[in-house]
């Protein structure tokens, strides 16, 4: 997943591949929250992460594993802190990123990661 993606490169087939793998994995015994967060940190540690490919990967992992609901219910403060530390490295308002990608990241961060709604269970 650390492969750099050119922002205008079609990623549809990669998205289908990731969804297929995660759909298969979800039926297996679920990885631990520590393993899932470790994978998210690997994505966030990639160079030039502010693109639609990495955003899709993060959204898919969050959705398929109901990540934030699990982190909240188990009070996994160190894992939550780890995700925040990974996000702190980036300026999500960036001249090098197209406006569509920038808006999608802002929506993801405000709706999923930093939502103050206690009813937000990965909607």
Protein backbone atom coordinates (compact mmCIF):
# COMPACT_ATOMS: atom_id res chain seq x y z
CA UNK A 1 0.00 0.00 0.00
CA UNK A 2 2.98 2.32 0.23
CA UNK A 3 3.14 2.61 -3.56
CA UNK A 4 2.93 6.25 -4.63
CA UNK A 5 -0.21 6.99 -6.63
CA UNK A 6 -0.36 9.75 -9.19
CA UNK A 7 -3.40 11.86 -8.32
CA UNK A 8 -4.98 11.59 -11.79
CA UNK A 9 -4.32 7.86 -12.17
CA UNK A 10 -7.49 5.74 -12.47
CA UNK A 11 -7.75 3.74 -9.28
CA UNK A 12 -11.03 1.93 -9.83
CA UNK A 13 -9.44 -1.53 -10.23
CA UNK A 14 -7.35 -1.00 -7.10
CA UNK A 15 -10.49 -0.02 -5.18
CA UNK A 16 -12.29 -3.16 -6.35
CA UNK A 17 -9.28 -5.25 -5.33
CA UNK A 18 -9.08 -3.73 -1.83
CA UNK A 19 -12.85 -4.09 -1.28
CA UNK A 20 -12.72 -7.73 -2.42
CA UNK A 21 -9.88 -8.55 -0.06
CA UNK A 22 -11.52 -6.81 2.89
CA UNK A 23 -14.85 -8.51 2.20
CA UNK A 24 -13.04 -11.83 2.28
CA UNK A 25 -11.08 -10.95 5.43
CA UNK A 26 -14.14 -9.68 7.32
CA UNK A 27 -15.54 -13.22 7.30
CA UNK A 28 -12.33 -14.52 8.90
CA UNK A 29 -11.39 -13.96 12.54
CA UNK A 30 -10.96 -10.22 12.80
CA UNK A 31 -7.46 -8.83 13.35
CA UNK A 32 -6.84 -7.10 16.64
CA UNK A 33 -7.38 -3.36 16.94
CA UNK A 34 -3.63 -3.00 17.42
CA UNK A 35 -2.99 -4.68 14.06
CA UNK A 36 -5.61 -2.56 12.30
CA UNK A 37 -4.22 0.68 13.76
CA UNK A 38 -0.70 -0.45 12.84
CA UNK A 39 -1.86 -0.83 9.22
CA UNK A 40 -3.47 2.61 9.33
CA UNK A 41 -0.24 4.10 10.65
CA UNK A 42 1.66 2.44 7.79
CA UNK A 43 -0.71 4.17 5.37
CA UNK A 44 -0.34 7.50 7.18
CA UNK A 45 3.45 7.14 7.20
CA UNK A 46 3.53 6.87 3.40
CA UNK A 47 4.92 9.78 1.41
CA UNK A 48 2.28 12.06 -0.20
CA UNK A 49 -0.62 10.40 1.60
CA UNK A 50 -3.08 13.20 0.82
CA UNK A 51 -4.65 11.64 -2.25
CA UNK A 52 -7.82 9.75 -3.06
CA UNK A 53 -6.15 6.31 -3.06
CA UNK A 54 -4.98 6.49 0.55
CA UNK A 55 -8.23 8.11 1.60
CA UNK A 56 -10.16 5.24 0.03
CA UNK A 57 -7.99 2.72 1.89
CA UNK A 58 -8.56 4.47 5.23
CA UNK A 59 -12.30 4.83 4.64
CA UNK A 60 -12.62 1.18 3.66
CA UNK A 61 -10.69 -0.09 6.68
CA UNK A 62 -12.73 2.18 8.97
CA UNK A 63 -16.00 1.04 7.47
CA UNK A 64 -15.34 -2.69 7.15
CA UNK A 65 -13.93 -3.08 10.66
CA UNK A 66 -16.14 -0.42 12.32
CA UNK A 67 -12.87 0.94 13.60
CA UNK A 68 -13.86 4.09 15.46
CA UNK A 69 -16.81 2.42 17.16
CA UNK A 70 -14.51 -0.36 18.37
CA UNK A 71 -11.81 2.07 19.51
CA UNK A 72 -14.39 4.08 21.45
CA UNK A 73 -16.09 1.09 23.05
CA UNK A 74 -12.81 -0.44 24.23
CA UNK A 75 -11.37 2.90 25.38
CA UNK A 76 -8.23 2.28 23.34
CA UNK A 77 -6.68 5.66 24.09
CA UNK A 78 -3.15 4.75 23.03
CA UNK A 79 -4.39 3.49 19.65
CA UNK A 80 -6.53 6.60 19.10
CA UNK A 81 -3.55 8.75 20.04
CA UNK A 82 -1.42 6.86 17.53
CA UNK A 83 -3.89 7.63 14.71
CA UNK A 84 -3.96 11.31 15.70
CA UNK A 85 -0.15 11.43 15.72
CA UNK A 86 -0.15 10.02 12.20
CA UNK A 87 -2.63 12.68 11.07
CA UNK A 88 -0.73 15.54 12.74
CA UNK A 89 2.06 15.31 10.17
CA UNK A 90 -0.11 16.65 7.37
CA UNK A 91 -1.57 19.93 6.28
CA UNK A 92 -4.84 19.01 4.66
CA UNK A 93 -5.07 22.37 2.93
CA UNK A 94 -2.34 22.04 0.37
CA UNK A 95 -1.57 23.77 -2.95
CA UNK A 96 -0.26 20.47 -4.36
CA UNK A 97 -3.59 18.69 -3.91
CA UNK A 98 -6.58 19.16 -6.19
CA UNK A 99 -9.69 20.72 -4.63
CA UNK A 100 -11.83 17.57 -4.97
CA UNK A 101 -9.29 15.49 -3.04
CA UNK A 102 -8.86 18.23 -0.45
CA UNK A 103 -12.63 18.43 0.10
CA UNK A 104 -12.94 14.64 0.39
CA UNK A 105 -10.20 14.56 3.04
CA UNK A 106 -11.82 17.42 4.95
CA UNK A 107 -15.18 15.64 4.84
CA UNK A 108 -13.60 12.39 6.02
CA UNK A 109 -11.77 14.07 8.88
CA UNK A 110 -14.76 16.09 10.05
CA UNK A 111 -17.42 13.40 9.54
CA UNK A 112 -15.51 10.30 10.63
CA UNK A 113 -12.39 11.08 12.60
CA UNK A 114 -13.17 14.29 14.47
CA UNK A 115 -16.94 14.01 14.67
CA UNK A 116 -18.29 15.08 18.04
CA UNK A 117 -21.45 13.05 17.54
CA UNK A 118 -21.67 10.22 20.02
CA UNK A 119 -24.08 8.55 17.61
CA UNK A 120 -21.43 8.38 14.88
CA UNK A 121 -20.71 4.68 14.51
CA UNK A 122 -18.84 4.90 11.24
CA UNK A 123 -21.73 6.22 9.21
